[in-house]
Every structure is written in C-alpha cells, then in structure tokens.
Protein backbone atom coordinates (compact mmCIF):
# COMPACT_ATOMS: atom_id res chain seq x y z
CA MET A 1 53.29 95.66 46.97
CA LEU A 2 54.82 99.56 47.03
CA LEU A 3 52.70 102.03 48.93
CA ASN A 4 53.25 105.59 49.43
CA HIS A 5 53.05 107.49 53.12
CA SER A 6 48.97 107.43 52.37
CA ASN A 7 48.95 103.52 51.91
CA ASP A 8 48.39 104.44 48.06
CA PHE A 9 48.93 101.58 46.03
CA LEU A 10 52.13 102.50 43.97
CA GLY A 11 53.38 99.14 42.08
CA GLY A 12 54.38 95.64 43.04
CA LEU A 13 56.01 92.76 41.70
CA ALA A 14 54.21 88.93 41.54
CA GLY A 15 55.93 86.10 40.57
CA PHE A 16 56.88 82.51 42.06
CA THR A 17 60.16 80.24 42.86
CA ALA A 18 60.18 76.36 41.74
CA TRP A 19 62.95 74.05 40.59
CA ASP A 20 65.43 76.67 41.76
CA TRP A 21 64.44 79.55 40.03
CA LEU A 22 62.36 82.69 40.12
CA PHE A 23 59.91 83.43 37.63
CA VAL A 24 58.72 87.06 37.69
CA LYS A 25 55.14 87.31 36.44
CA TRP A 26 54.46 90.76 36.36
CA LEU A 27 56.19 94.25 37.75
CA LEU A 28 53.74 96.99 37.72
CA ILE A 29 54.65 100.56 38.46
CA ARG A 30 51.78 103.14 38.72
CA GLU A 31 52.65 105.56 35.33
CA ASP A 32 52.89 108.44 38.10
CA ALA A 33 55.20 106.77 40.19
CA ARG A 34 57.66 105.75 37.63
CA GLY A 35 61.55 106.87 37.66
CA ARG A 36 61.73 106.74 41.29
CA GLY A 37 63.66 103.78 41.39
CA LEU A 38 60.79 101.47 42.56
CA GLY A 39 60.97 98.88 39.58
CA SER A 40 64.53 98.29 41.01
CA LEU A 41 63.61 98.11 44.66
CA ALA A 42 60.91 95.50 44.05
CA LEU A 43 63.10 93.34 41.91
CA ASP A 44 65.88 93.87 44.33
CA ALA A 45 63.37 92.31 47.14
CA ALA A 46 62.36 89.63 44.77
CA GLU A 47 65.66 88.47 43.67
CA ALA A 48 66.67 88.67 47.98
CA GLU A 49 64.11 86.43 48.22
CA ALA A 50 64.50 83.92 45.87
CA LYS A 51 68.18 83.81 46.91
CA LYS A 52 67.05 82.58 50.38
CA ARG A 53 65.13 80.24 48.99
CA GLY A 54 67.69 78.87 47.21
CA CYS A 55 67.18 79.82 43.46
CA VAL A 56 69.87 80.05 41.30
CA ALA A 57 69.05 82.32 38.41
CA ALA A 58 65.74 84.22 37.74
CA TRP A 59 63.75 84.65 34.29
CA LEU A 60 60.59 86.62 32.79
CA ASP A 61 59.06 87.91 29.69
CA THR A 62 58.21 91.24 28.21
CA LEU A 63 57.05 93.08 25.59
CA ASN A 64 57.94 96.88 27.32
CA PRO A 65 61.26 98.60 26.00
CA ALA A 66 61.52 100.41 29.22
CA ALA A 67 60.99 97.27 31.50
CA ARG A 68 63.36 95.69 29.05
CA ASN A 69 65.92 98.37 29.79
CA LEU A 70 65.08 98.18 33.42
CA TYR A 71 65.86 94.57 33.37
CA ALA A 72 69.22 94.61 31.44
CA ARG A 73 70.36 97.45 34.01
CA HIS A 74 69.90 94.56 36.76
CA GLY A 75 71.88 92.23 34.91
CA TYR A 76 69.31 90.44 32.81
CA THR A 77 70.13 89.17 29.38
CA VAL A 78 67.83 88.26 26.59
CA PHE A 79 67.85 84.50 25.93
CA GLY A 80 64.91 84.29 23.21
CA GLU A 81 62.70 86.59 21.17
CA ILE A 82 59.27 86.55 19.32
CA ALA A 83 59.45 89.20 16.61
CA ASP A 84 56.10 91.05 15.68
CA PHE A 85 54.31 88.78 18.93
CA ARG A 86 51.75 91.80 18.77
CA ALA A 87 51.52 94.17 16.29
CA GLY A 88 55.29 94.97 15.30
CA GLN A 89 56.00 94.41 19.20
CA ALA A 90 58.67 91.52 19.82
CA ARG A 91 58.42 89.82 22.97
CA PHE A 92 61.81 89.46 24.71
CA PHE A 93 62.55 86.41 27.21
CA MET A 94 65.39 87.43 29.47
CA GLN A 95 67.27 85.78 32.27
CA LYS A 96 69.82 86.52 35.12
CA ARG A 97 72.06 84.18 36.69
CA PHE A 98 72.78 84.72 40.16
C-alpha cells in the first residue's frame, strides 16, 4: 500500500506467488498521484519479495496502454493478446523472467 505523508491512500499492488511465479493481479495508482514513480516503486517491491520467495518470473495482464508501457519499461514482454477483448481494446498478457 502506498500512502502520502498524511496517510492518504495513493495506490498499491495486489498479487500472489505460486509455482515459482509472481502474478500481479492489479496495480493501481490514484489518478492525481500518477507520474511520480509510484507504480515503479510498487512493482519493484513486489518483484523483490517474489525473488526472496524463490520466484523465477512474473506475469500479469492489462487492458491499459499506459500500464503496458510501464511494464515494458520494467522488462515485461507480451506473450499473448486477445484483440478486441472489450469494445476495441486489446488485453495483453505479459511476463518477465528474473
């Protein structure tokens, strides 16, 4: 969970580890807190914890083009896509090997 100095919720990441993989269920940063590196901070922390648990890789899926770009900057690559998943939006499945 990411909080500001007043303990207001700014965002966070939820996921789990299983079978030596990290699955990122969601990464949410409040709209007015975006652009400050908080998404990167949350993702880095989740990956560090996954490595401590012996994970060899991570995977996730996203509909959001901005989130896809964030994940790509962190070394995630697309391994699958459902085109036109929702009203012209593609759903991308991404992975990263540690």
